[in-house]
Each structure stands twice: as C-alpha cells, then as structure tokens.
Amino acid sequence: MPPRTKFLFHRAEKRIPMEIPVLIDGHRRAPGSESTFTENVSARGARVVSVRRWDQGEHLTFASRTGEFRSSARVAYCQSLQGDGFAIGVEFLEPKGRWVVQSPR
C-alpha cells in the first residue's frame, strides 16, 4: 500500500462530494481552456480533475460552465490519479456570482 500524502495546510471547511461541470484556464505551459468537472466542493474551493499537471501556487481562472460563477484561483495541490490525469485542489481568490455552496455568514 502506498504511503499517504501529508499536506501542510489545514482545510477550513469540509468538502461536499459534488460533480460540477467547470472550465479552468491559465496553465503556464499548455494555454487554452480545459472543460472538466469537480470531485468535491466547498464555499472556498474545489477539487478538480485535470489532464494537465499544475504547479502548487499556480494561478488560474475557474468558472462554472453555466456561467453563474467565476473566480481567479490558486492551486493548493496537484496529485497524480491512477491512470491518466491529475486532481488539483483549487482555492478561490476572488469569487463572483453564485457558487453551489455559499460561505457561512
């Protein structure tokens, strides 16, 4: 069994398993938008599946495919998935619009 990855950050909120169609854009080495989906979400971020490897700290644009939500974002982590692709943790920096999970007031 492979060793578990330890992360150096503490998640402020629990994630909710939810598959939301999204667009991500801003990869440094592979320009263009990628149409993909989330695996889980919170009010402050999401775990997104990507065909590209992203660098921790890299900035991107994140948007729901419905157009109701858009945010500049930061890559918190990038993990290889079994088979092809990567899972990236995305932290919203400047959210605009209606996201599927609202921040507690």
PDB file of N, CA and C in Angstrom:
ATOM      1  N   MET A   1       0.851  -1.177   0.000  1.00  0.00           N
ATOM      2  CA  MET A   1       0.000   0.000   0.000  1.00  0.00           C
ATOM      3  C   MET A   1       0.898   1.241   0.000  1.00  0.00           C
ATOM      4  N   PRO A   2       0.639   2.215  -0.887  1.00  0.00           N
ATOM      5  CA  PRO A   2       1.493   3.399  -0.952  1.00  0.00           C
ATOM      6  C   PRO A   2       1.324   4.266   0.292  1.00  0.00           C
ATOM      7  N   PRO A   3       2.375   5.003   0.674  1.00  0.00           N
ATOM      8  CA  PRO A   3       2.252   5.879   1.845  1.00  0.00           C
ATOM      9  C   PRO A   3       1.250   6.999   1.568  1.00  0.00           C
ATOM     10  N   ARG A   4       0.582   7.453   2.589  1.00  0.00           N
ATOM     11  CA  ARG A   4      -0.395   8.538   2.445  1.00  0.00           C
ATOM     12  C   ARG A   4       0.340   9.856   2.310  1.00  0.00           C
ATOM     13  N   THR A   5      -0.170  10.701   1.461  1.00  0.00           N
ATOM     14  CA  THR A   5       0.408  12.026   1.287  1.00  0.00           C
ATOM     15  C   THR A   5      -0.044  12.911   2.429  1.00  0.00           C
ATOM     16  N   LYS A   6       0.898  13.635   3.044  1.00  0.00           N
ATOM     17  CA  LYS A   6       0.555  14.578   4.096  1.00  0.00           C
ATOM     18  C   LYS A   6       0.619  15.981   3.530  1.00  0.00           C
ATOM     19  N   PHE A   7      -0.409  16.761   3.798  1.00  0.00           N
ATOM     20  CA  PHE A   7      -0.457  18.122   3.318  1.00  0.00           C
ATOM     21  C   PHE A   7      -0.115  19.071   4.459  1.00  0.00           C
ATOM     22  N   LEU A   8       0.481  20.195   4.108  1.00  0.00           N
ATOM     23  CA  LEU A   8       0.930  21.145   5.102  1.00  0.00           C
ATOM     24  C   LEU A   8      -0.085  22.251   5.367  1.00  0.00           C
ATOM     25  N   PHE A   9      -1.317  22.054   4.933  1.00  0.00           N
ATOM     26  CA  PHE A   9      -2.335  23.065   5.180  1.00  0.00           C
ATOM     27  C   PHE A   9      -3.505  22.415   5.901  1.00  0.00           C
ATOM     28  N   HIS A  10      -4.258  23.242   6.575  1.00  0.00           N
ATOM     29  CA  HIS A  10      -5.448  22.772   7.283  1.00  0.00           C
ATOM     30  C   HIS A  10      -6.675  23.293   6.546  1.00  0.00           C
ATOM     31  N   ARG A  11      -7.541  22.397   6.167  1.00  0.00           N
ATOM     32  CA  ARG A  11      -8.749  22.783   5.434  1.00  0.00           C
ATOM     33  C   ARG A  11      -9.720  23.462   6.392  1.00  0.00           C
ATOM     34  N   ALA A  12     -10.185  24.643   6.024  1.00  0.00           N
ATOM     35  CA  ALA A  12     -11.086  25.422   6.867  1.00  0.00           C
ATOM     36  C   ALA A  12     -12.501  24.861   6.863  1.00  0.00           C
ATOM     37  N   GLU A  13     -12.889  24.214   5.783  1.00  0.00           N
ATOM     38  CA  GLU A  13     -14.248  23.690   5.647  1.00  0.00           C
ATOM     39  C   GLU A  13     -14.197  22.272   5.092  1.00  0.00           C
ATOM     40  N   LYS A  14     -15.211  21.488   5.443  1.00  0.00           N
ATOM     41  CA  LYS A  14     -15.316  20.157   4.853  1.00  0.00           C
ATOM     42  C   LYS A  14     -15.782  20.275   3.419  1.00  0.00           C
ATOM     43  N   ARG A  15     -15.298  19.374   2.578  1.00  0.00           N
ATOM     44  CA  ARG A  15     -15.719  19.348   1.178  1.00  0.00           C
ATOM     45  C   ARG A  15     -16.953  18.470   1.031  1.00  0.00           C
ATOM     46  N   ILE A  16     -17.789  18.819   0.070  1.00  0.00           N
ATOM     47  CA  ILE A  16     -19.007  18.073  -0.230  1.00  0.00           C
ATOM     48  C   ILE A  16     -18.803  17.375  -1.569  1.00  0.00           C
ATOM     49  N   PRO A  17     -18.940  16.040  -1.628  1.00  0.00           N
ATOM     50  CA  PRO A  17     -18.796  15.356  -2.917  1.00  0.00           C
ATOM     51  C   PRO A  17     -19.847  15.874  -3.898  1.00  0.00           C
ATOM     52  N   MET A  18     -19.392  16.452  -5.016  1.00  0.00           N
ATOM     53  CA  MET A  18     -20.327  17.011  -5.983  1.00  0.00           C
ATOM     54  C   MET A  18     -19.608  17.177  -7.318  1.00  0.00           C
ATOM     55  N   GLU A  19     -20.197  16.641  -8.362  1.00  0.00           N
ATOM     56  CA  GLU A  19     -19.625  16.740  -9.701  1.00  0.00           C
ATOM     57  C   GLU A  19     -20.279  17.913 -10.432  1.00  0.00           C
ATOM     58  N   ILE A  20     -19.494  18.987 -10.598  1.00  0.00           N
ATOM     59  CA  ILE A  20     -19.978  20.207 -11.251  1.00  0.00           C
ATOM     60  C   ILE A  20     -19.150  20.431 -12.513  1.00  0.00           C
ATOM     61  N   PRO A  21     -19.767  20.636 -13.671  1.00  0.00           N
ATOM     62  CA  PRO A  21     -19.002  20.931 -14.887  1.00  0.00           C
ATOM     63  C   PRO A  21     -18.381  22.333 -14.800  1.00  0.00           C
ATOM     64  N   VAL A  22     -17.070  22.425 -15.020  1.00  0.00           N
ATOM     65  CA  VAL A  22     -16.353  23.693 -14.907  1.00  0.00           C
ATOM     66  C   VAL A  22     -15.349  23.865 -16.044  1.00  0.00           C
ATOM     67  N   LEU A  23     -14.864  25.096 -16.188  1.00  0.00           N
ATOM     68  CA  LEU A  23     -13.780  25.427 -17.107  1.00  0.00           C
ATOM     69  C   LEU A  23     -12.626  25.967 -16.286  1.00  0.00           C
ATOM     70  N   ILE A  24     -11.405  25.505 -16.588  1.00  0.00           N
ATOM     71  CA  ILE A  24     -10.216  26.067 -15.954  1.00  0.00           C
ATOM     72  C   ILE A  24      -9.293  26.556 -17.055  1.00  0.00           C
ATOM     73  N   ASP A  25      -8.613  27.658 -16.791  1.00  0.00           N
ATOM     74  CA  ASP A  25      -7.776  28.294 -17.794  1.00  0.00           C
ATOM     75  C   ASP A  25      -6.605  28.978 -17.101  1.00  0.00           C
ATOM     76  N   GLY A  26      -5.473  29.068 -17.793  1.00  0.00           N
ATOM     77  CA  GLY A  26      -4.341  29.804 -17.249  1.00  0.00           C
ATOM     78  C   GLY A  26      -3.090  28.977 -17.040  1.00  0.00           C
ATOM     79  N   HIS A  27      -3.069  27.739 -17.554  1.00  0.00           N
ATOM     80  CA  HIS A  27      -1.888  26.893 -17.397  1.00  0.00           C
ATOM     81  C   HIS A  27      -0.695  27.542 -18.091  1.00  0.00           C
ATOM     82  N   ARG A  28       0.437  27.567 -17.410  1.00  0.00           N
ATOM     83  CA  ARG A  28       1.632  28.253 -17.930  1.00  0.00           C
ATOM     84  C   ARG A  28       2.192  27.612 -19.199  1.00  0.00           C
ATOM     85  N   ARG A  29       2.214  26.294 -19.256  1.00  0.00           N
ATOM     86  CA  ARG A  29       2.865  25.597 -20.375  1.00  0.00           C
ATOM     87  C   ARG A  29       1.892  25.050 -21.413  1.00  0.00           C
ATOM     88  N   ALA A  30       0.609  25.027 -21.099  1.00  0.00           N
ATOM     89  CA  ALA A  30      -0.386  24.491 -22.036  1.00  0.00           C
ATOM     90  C   ALA A  30      -1.574  25.442 -22.080  1.00  0.00           C
ATOM     91  N   PRO A  31      -1.467  26.505 -22.874  1.00  0.00           N
ATOM     92  CA  PRO A  31      -2.536  27.506 -22.897  1.00  0.00           C
ATOM     93  C   PRO A  31      -3.858  26.952 -23.423  1.00  0.00           C
ATOM     94  N   GLY A  32      -4.921  27.628 -23.061  1.00  0.00           N
ATOM     95  CA  GLY A  32      -6.257  27.236 -23.503  1.00  0.00           C
ATOM     96  C   GLY A  32      -7.104  26.758 -22.353  1.00  0.00           C
ATOM     97  N   SER A  33      -8.403  26.821 -22.546  1.00  0.00           N
ATOM     98  CA  SER A  33      -9.361  26.380 -21.532  1.00  0.00           C
ATOM     99  C   SER A  33      -9.485  24.861 -21.530  1.00  0.00           C
ATOM    100  N   GLU A  34      -9.695  24.321 -20.354  1.00  0.00           N
ATOM    101  CA  GLU A  34      -9.956  22.883 -20.210  1.00  0.00           C
ATOM    102  C   GLU A  34     -11.352  22.725 -19.623  1.00  0.00           C
ATOM    103  N   SER A  35     -12.193  21.956 -20.301  1.00  0.00           N
ATOM    104  CA  SER A  35     -13.531  21.647 -19.828  1.00  0.00           C
ATOM    105  C   SER A  35     -13.434  20.381 -18.984  1.00  0.00           C
ATOM    106  N   THR A  36     -13.830  20.465 -17.710  1.00  0.00           N
ATOM    107  CA  THR A  36     -13.656  19.347 -16.794  1.00  0.00           C
ATOM    108  C   THR A  36     -14.756  19.360 -15.741  1.00  0.00           C
ATOM    109  N   PHE A  37     -14.523  18.750 -14.581  1.00  0.00           N
ATOM    110  CA  PHE A  37     -15.532  18.676 -13.535  1.00  0.00           C
ATOM    111  C   PHE A  37     -14.872  18.650 -12.165  1.00  0.00           C
ATOM    112  N   THR A  38     -15.649  18.999 -11.155  1.00  0.00           N
ATOM    113  CA  THR A  38     -15.170  18.917  -9.777  1.00  0.00           C
ATOM    114  C   THR A  38     -15.443  17.520  -9.234  1.00  0.00           C
ATOM    115  N   GLU A  39     -14.677  17.129  -8.230  1.00  0.00           N
ATOM    116  CA  GLU A  39     -14.963  15.895  -7.480  1.00  0.00           C
ATOM    117  C   GLU A  39     -15.668  16.239  -6.176  1.00  0.00           C
ATOM    118  N   ASN A  40     -15.226  17.345  -5.564  1.00  0.00           N
ATOM    119  CA  ASN A  40     -15.878  17.824  -4.351  1.00  0.00           C
ATOM    120  C   ASN A  40     -15.722  19.337  -4.274  1.00  0.00           C
ATOM    121  N   VAL A  41     -16.557  19.968  -3.455  1.00  0.00           N
ATOM    122  CA  VAL A  41     -16.616  21.426  -3.415  1.00  0.00           C
ATOM    123  C   VAL A  41     -16.771  21.931  -1.986  1.00  0.00           C
ATOM    124  N   SER A  42     -16.421  23.181  -1.789  1.00  0.00           N
ATOM    125  CA  SER A  42     -16.739  23.918  -0.573  1.00  0.00           C
ATOM    126  C   SER A  42     -17.001  25.351  -0.995  1.00  0.00           C
ATOM    127  N   ALA A  43     -17.317  26.208  -0.055  1.00  0.00           N
ATOM    128  CA  ALA A  43     -17.568  27.610  -0.383  1.00  0.00           C
ATOM    129  C   ALA A  43     -16.286  28.308  -0.829  1.00  0.00           C
ATOM    130  N   ARG A  44     -15.121  27.782  -0.410  1.00  0.00           N
ATOM    131  CA  ARG A  44     -13.843  28.457  -0.682  1.00  0.00           C
ATOM    132  C   ARG A  44     -12.978  27.783  -1.725  1.00  0.00           C
ATOM    133  N   GLY A  45     -13.439  26.651  -2.271  1.00  0.00           N
ATOM    134  CA  GLY A  45     -12.616  25.961  -3.250  1.00  0.00           C
ATOM    135  C   GLY A  45     -13.230  24.674  -3.741  1.00  0.00           C
ATOM    136  N   ALA A  46     -12.409  23.903  -4.473  1.00  0.00           N
ATOM    137  CA  ALA A  46     -12.892  22.648  -5.049  1.00  0.00           C
ATOM    138  C   ALA A  46     -11.705  21.742  -5.377  1.00  0.00           C
ATOM    139  N   ARG A  47     -12.004  20.467  -5.519  1.00  0.00           N
ATOM    140  CA  ARG A  47     -11.045  19.500  -6.058  1.00  0.00           C
ATOM    141  C   ARG A  47     -11.511  19.232  -7.487  1.00  0.00           C
ATOM    142  N   VAL A  48     -10.601  19.455  -8.446  1.00  0.00           N
ATOM    143  CA  VAL A  48     -10.929  19.406  -9.860  1.00  0.00           C
ATOM    144  C   VAL A  48     -10.053  18.371 -10.554  1.00  0.00           C
ATOM    145  N   VAL A  49     -10.617  17.636 -11.496  1.00  0.00           N
ATOM    146  CA  VAL A  49      -9.854  16.695 -12.312  1.00  0.00           C
ATOM    147  C   VAL A  49      -9.313  17.452 -13.526  1.00  0.00           C
ATOM    148  N   SER A  50      -8.027  17.234 -13.835  1.00  0.00           N
ATOM    149  CA  SER A  50      -7.394  17.909 -14.969  1.00  0.00           C
ATOM    150  C   SER A  50      -6.518  16.933 -15.741  1.00  0.00           C
ATOM    151  N   VAL A  51      -6.399  17.146 -17.044  1.00  0.00           N
ATOM    152  CA  VAL A  51      -5.481  16.326 -17.845  1.00  0.00           C
ATOM    153  C   VAL A  51      -4.055  16.872 -17.741  1.00  0.00           C
ATOM    154  N   ARG A  52      -3.915  18.073 -17.168  1.00  0.00           N
ATOM    155  CA  ARG A  52      -2.608  18.730 -17.062  1.00  0.00           C
ATOM    156  C   ARG A  52      -2.068  18.655 -15.634  1.00  0.00           C
ATOM    157  N   ARG A  53      -0.757  18.608 -15.523  1.00  0.00           N
ATOM    158  CA  ARG A  53      -0.104  18.735 -14.206  1.00  0.00           C
ATOM    159  C   ARG A  53       0.048  20.228 -13.929  1.00  0.00           C
ATOM    160  N   TRP A  54      -0.385  20.646 -12.743  1.00  0.00           N
ATOM    161  CA  TRP A  54      -0.303  22.054 -12.334  1.00  0.00           C
ATOM    162  C   TRP A  54       0.717  22.187 -11.215  1.00  0.00           C
ATOM    163  N   ASP A  55       1.349  23.338 -11.137  1.00  0.00           N
ATOM    164  CA  ASP A  55       2.302  23.617 -10.063  1.00  0.00           C
ATOM    165  C   ASP A  55       1.564  24.213  -8.867  1.00  0.00           C
ATOM    166  N   GLN A  56       1.976  23.800  -7.670  1.00  0.00           N
ATOM    167  CA  GLN A  56       1.405  24.377  -6.459  1.00  0.00           C
ATOM    168  C   GLN A  56       1.648  25.886  -6.480  1.00  0.00           C
ATOM    169  N   GLY A  57       0.641  26.658  -6.139  1.00  0.00           N
ATOM    170  CA  GLY A  57       0.746  28.109  -6.141  1.00  0.00           C
ATOM    171  C   GLY A  57       0.410  28.762  -7.471  1.00  0.00           C
ATOM    172  N   GLU A  58       0.295  27.959  -8.536  1.00  0.00           N
ATOM    173  CA  GLU A  58      -0.032  28.499  -9.865  1.00  0.00           C
ATOM    174  C   GLU A  58      -1.429  29.130  -9.836  1.00  0.00           C
ATOM    175  N   HIS A  59      -1.591  30.228 -10.551  1.00  0.00           N
ATOM    176  CA  HIS A  59      -2.883  30.914 -10.609  1.00  0.00           C
ATOM    177  C   HIS A  59      -3.632  30.498 -11.872  1.00  0.00           C
ATOM    178  N   LEU A  60      -4.955  30.443 -11.757  1.00  0.00           N
ATOM    179  CA  LEU A  60      -5.800  30.057 -12.877  1.00  0.00           C
ATOM    180  C   LEU A  60      -7.136  30.759 -12.777  1.00  0.00           C
ATOM    181  N   THR A  61      -7.911  30.652 -13.828  1.00  0.00           N
ATOM    182  CA  THR A  61      -9.281  31.141 -13.827  1.00  0.00           C
ATOM    183  C   THR A  61     -10.197  29.924 -13.767  1.00  0.00           C
ATOM    184  N   PHE A  62     -11.172  29.971 -12.888  1.00  0.00           N
ATOM    185  CA  PHE A  62     -12.101  28.877 -12.635  1.00  0.00           C
ATOM    186  C   PHE A  62     -13.498  29.402 -12.901  1.00  0.00           C
ATOM    187  N   ALA A  63     -14.300  28.687 -13.680  1.00  0.00           N
ATOM    188  CA  ALA A  63     -15.668  29.136 -13.966  1.00  0.00           C
ATOM    189  C   ALA A  63     -16.599  27.940 -14.110  1.00  0.00           C
ATOM    190  N   SER A  64     -17.831  28.109 -13.625  1.00  0.00           N
ATOM    191  CA  SER A  64     -18.840  27.075 -13.862  1.00  0.00           C
ATOM    192  C   SER A  64     -19.244  27.169 -15.332  1.00  0.00           C
ATOM    193  N   ARG A  65     -19.558  26.024 -15.925  1.00  0.00           N
ATOM    194  CA  ARG A  65     -19.955  26.029 -17.342  1.00  0.00           C
ATOM    195  C   ARG A  65     -21.309  26.701 -17.565  1.00  0.00           C
ATOM    196  N   THR A  66     -22.096  26.841 -16.504  1.00  0.00           N
ATOM    197  CA  THR A  66     -23.371  27.538 -16.630  1.00  0.00           C
ATOM    198  C   THR A  66     -23.169  29.049 -16.697  1.00  0.00           C
ATOM    199  N   GLY A  67     -21.976  29.516 -16.293  1.00  0.00           N
ATOM    200  CA  GLY A  67     -21.684  30.940 -16.309  1.00  0.00           C
ATOM    201  C   GLY A  67     -22.145  31.686 -15.075  1.00  0.00           C
ATOM    202  N   GLU A  68     -22.667  30.964 -14.078  1.00  0.00           N
ATOM    203  CA  GLU A  68     -23.167  31.621 -12.869  1.00  0.00           C
ATOM    204  C   GLU A  68     -22.056  31.967 -11.883  1.00  0.00           C
ATOM    205  N   PHE A  69     -20.864  31.368 -12.044  1.00  0.00           N
ATOM    206  CA  PHE A  69     -19.775  31.575 -11.086  1.00  0.00           C
ATOM    207  C   PHE A  69     -18.449  31.681 -11.821  1.00  0.00           C
ATOM    208  N   ARG A  70     -17.592  32.564 -11.307  1.00  0.00           N
ATOM    209  CA  ARG A  70     -16.255  32.748 -11.874  1.00  0.00           C
ATOM    210  C   ARG A  70     -15.336  33.237 -10.762  1.00  0.00           C
ATOM    211  N   SER A  71     -14.064  32.779 -10.787  1.00  0.00           N
ATOM    212  CA  SER A  71     -13.111  33.239  -9.783  1.00  0.00           C
ATOM    213  C   SER A  71     -11.683  33.069 -10.278  1.00  0.00           C
ATOM    214  N   SER A  72     -10.821  34.000  -9.901  1.00  0.00           N
ATOM    215  CA  SER A  72      -9.403  33.718 -10.015  1.00  0.00           C
ATOM    216  C   SER A  72      -9.132  32.747  -8.870  1.00  0.00           C
ATOM    217  N   ALA A  73      -8.145  31.881  -9.043  1.00  0.00           N
ATOM    218  CA  ALA A  73      -7.919  30.834  -8.055  1.00  0.00           C
ATOM    219  C   ALA A  73      -6.434  30.487  -7.981  1.00  0.00           C
ATOM    220  N   ARG A  74      -6.084  29.749  -6.919  1.00  0.00           N
ATOM    221  CA  ARG A  74      -4.713  29.295  -6.695  1.00  0.00           C
ATOM    222  C   ARG A  74      -4.726  27.785  -6.530  1.00  0.00           C
ATOM    223  N   VAL A  75      -3.716  27.114  -7.101  1.00  0.00           N
ATOM    224  CA  VAL A  75      -3.588  25.663  -6.948  1.00  0.00           C
ATOM    225  C   VAL A  75      -2.964  25.378  -5.580  1.00  0.00           C
ATOM    226  N   ALA A  76      -3.717  24.697  -4.721  1.00  0.00           N
ATOM    227  CA  ALA A  76      -3.230  24.332  -3.391  1.00  0.00           C
ATOM    228  C   ALA A  76      -2.388  23.060  -3.449  1.00  0.00           C
ATOM    229  N   TYR A  77      -2.764  22.120  -4.338  1.00  0.00           N
ATOM    230  CA  TYR A  77      -2.005  20.874  -4.518  1.00  0.00           C
ATOM    231  C   TYR A  77      -2.353  20.280  -5.870  1.00  0.00           C
ATOM    232  N   CYS A  78      -1.502  19.370  -6.330  1.00  0.00           N
ATOM    233  CA  CYS A  78      -1.751  18.614  -7.562  1.00  0.00           C
ATOM    234  C   CYS A  78      -1.295  17.183  -7.320  1.00  0.00           C
ATOM    235  N   GLN A  79      -2.195  16.226  -7.484  1.00  0.00           N
ATOM    236  CA  GLN A  79      -1.904  14.809  -7.255  1.00  0.00           C
ATOM    237  C   GLN A  79      -2.140  14.016  -8.531  1.00  0.00           C
ATOM    238  N   SER A  80      -1.250  13.061  -8.821  1.00  0.00           N
ATOM    239  CA  SER A  80      -1.469  12.149  -9.935  1.00  0.00           C
ATOM    240  C   SER A  80      -2.622  11.222  -9.590  1.00  0.00           C
ATOM    241  N   LEU A  81      -3.466  10.956 -10.577  1.00  0.00           N
ATOM    242  CA  LEU A  81      -4.556  10.000 -10.410  1.00  0.00           C
ATOM    243  C   LEU A  81      -4.153   8.669 -11.027  1.00  0.00           C
ATOM    244  N   GLN A  82      -4.751   7.586 -10.567  1.00  0.00           N
ATOM    245  CA  GLN A  82      -4.493   6.288 -11.188  1.00  0.00           C
ATOM    246  C   GLN A  82      -4.950   6.376 -12.630  1.00  0.00           C
ATOM    247  N   GLY A  83      -4.137   5.879 -13.525  1.00  0.00           N
ATOM    248  CA  GLY A  83      -4.459   6.010 -14.945  1.00  0.00           C
ATOM    249  C   GLY A  83      -3.930   7.337 -15.431  1.00  0.00           C
ATOM    250  N   ASP A  84      -4.781   8.111 -16.072  1.00  0.00           N
ATOM    251  CA  ASP A  84      -4.371   9.412 -16.594  1.00  0.00           C
ATOM    252  C   ASP A  84      -4.974  10.545 -15.776  1.00  0.00           C
ATOM    253  N   GLY A  85      -4.300  11.665 -15.780  1.00  0.00           N
ATOM    254  CA  GLY A  85      -4.858  12.875 -15.201  1.00  0.00           C
ATOM    255  C   GLY A  85      -4.356  13.187 -13.807  1.00  0.00           C
ATOM    256  N   PHE A  86      -4.854  14.310 -13.314  1.00  0.00           N
ATOM    257  CA  PHE A  86      -4.429  14.847 -12.031  1.00  0.00           C
ATOM    258  C   PHE A  86      -5.637  15.396 -11.295  1.00  0.00           C
ATOM    259  N   ALA A  87      -5.552  15.396  -9.985  1.00  0.00           N
ATOM    260  CA  ALA A  87      -6.548  16.055  -9.147  1.00  0.00           C
ATOM    261  C   ALA A  87      -5.876  17.290  -8.587  1.00  0.00           C
ATOM    262  N   ILE A  88      -6.509  18.445  -8.759  1.00  0.00           N
ATOM    263  CA  ILE A  88      -5.940  19.675  -8.228  1.00  0.00           C
ATOM    264  C   ILE A  88      -6.890  20.284  -7.208  1.00  0.00           C
ATOM    265  N   GLY A  89      -6.327  20.736  -6.120  1.00  0.00           N
ATOM    266  CA  GLY A  89      -7.077  21.480  -5.120  1.00  0.00           C
ATOM    267  C   GLY A  89      -7.022  22.940  -5.509  1.00  0.00           C
ATOM    268  N   VAL A  90      -8.172  23.564  -5.646  1.00  0.00           N
ATOM    269  CA  VAL A  90      -8.264  24.947  -6.102  1.00  0.00           C
ATOM    270  C   VAL A  90      -8.854  25.799  -4.983  1.00  0.00           C
ATOM    271  N   GLU A  91      -8.163  26.881  -4.644  1.00  0.00           N
ATOM    272  CA  GLU A  91      -8.646  27.838  -3.647  1.00  0.00           C
ATOM    273  C   GLU A  91      -9.131  29.090  -4.375  1.00  0.00           C
ATOM    274  N   PHE A  92     -10.393  29.458  -4.161  1.00  0.00           N
ATOM    275  CA  PHE A  92     -10.943  30.650  -4.806  1.00  0.00           C
ATOM    276  C   PHE A  92     -10.338  31.900  -4.175  1.00  0.00           C
ATOM    277  N   LEU A  93      -9.919  32.852  -5.022  1.00  0.00           N
ATOM    278  CA  LEU A  93      -9.326  34.092  -4.536  1.00  0.00           C
ATOM    279  C   LEU A  93     -10.278  35.275  -4.659  1.00  0.00           C
ATOM    280  N   GLU A  94     -10.990  35.371  -5.770  1.00  0.00           N
ATOM    281  CA  GLU A  94     -11.916  36.485  -5.999  1.00  0.00           C
ATOM    282  C   GLU A  94     -13.216  35.962  -6.592  1.00  0.00           C
ATOM    283  N   PRO A  95     -14.022  35.248  -5.788  1.00  0.00           N
ATOM    284  CA  PRO A  95     -15.256  34.665  -6.324  1.00  0.00           C
ATOM    285  C   PRO A  95     -16.291  35.720  -6.695  1.00  0.00           C
ATOM    286  N   LYS A  96     -16.950  35.476  -7.838  1.00  0.00           N
ATOM    287  CA  LYS A  96     -18.017  36.361  -8.309  1.00  0.00           C
ATOM    288  C   LYS A  96     -19.161  35.488  -8.812  1.00  0.00           C
ATOM    289  N   GLY A  97     -20.361  35.793  -8.369  1.00  0.00           N
ATOM    290  CA  GLY A  97     -21.522  35.038  -8.819  1.00  0.00           C
ATOM    291  C   GLY A  97     -21.952  34.004  -7.806  1.00  0.00           C
ATOM    292  N   ARG A  98     -22.834  33.139  -8.253  1.00  0.00           N
ATOM    293  CA  ARG A  98     -23.452  32.148  -7.378  1.00  0.00           C
ATOM    294  C   ARG A  98     -22.763  30.792  -7.506  1.00  0.00           C
ATOM    295  N   TRP A  99     -22.111  30.350  -6.438  1.00  0.00           N
ATOM    296  CA  TRP A  99     -21.467  29.040  -6.391  1.00  0.00           C
ATOM    297  C   TRP A  99     -22.427  28.065  -5.733  1.00  0.00           C
ATOM    298  N   VAL A 100     -22.197  26.768  -5.865  1.00  0.00           N
ATOM    299  CA  VAL A 100     -23.113  25.739  -5.359  1.00  0.00           C
ATOM    300  C   VAL A 100     -23.123  25.657  -3.841  1.00  0.00           C
ATOM    301  N   VAL A 101     -22.074  26.159  -3.188  1.00  0.00           N
ATOM    302  CA  VAL A 101     -22.000  26.192  -1.722  1.00  0.00           C
ATOM    303  C   VAL A 101     -21.706  27.637  -1.329  1.00  0.00           C
ATOM    304  N   GLN A 102     -22.520  28.187  -0.455  1.00  0.00           N
ATOM    305  CA  GLN A 102     -22.320  29.581  -0.042  1.00  0.00           C
ATOM    306  C   GLN A 102     -21.493  29.641   1.235  1.00  0.00           C
ATOM    307  N   SER A 103     -20.722  30.710   1.385  1.00  0.00           N
ATOM    308  CA  SER A 103     -19.939  30.920   2.611  1.00  0.00           C
ATOM    309  C   SER A 103     -20.870  31.172   3.788  1.00  0.00           C
ATOM    310  N   PRO A 104     -20.509  30.635   4.957  1.00  0.00           N
ATOM    311  CA  PRO A 104     -21.327  30.946   6.142  1.00  0.00           C
ATOM    312  C   PRO A 104     -21.195  32.431   6.470  1.00  0.00           C
ATOM    313  N   ARG A 105     -22.257  33.011   6.918  1.00  0.00           N
ATOM    314  CA  ARG A 105     -22.239  34.469   7.197  1.00  0.00           C
ATOM    315  C   ARG A 105     -22.005  34.740   8.652  1.00  0.00           C
TER     316      ARG A 105
END
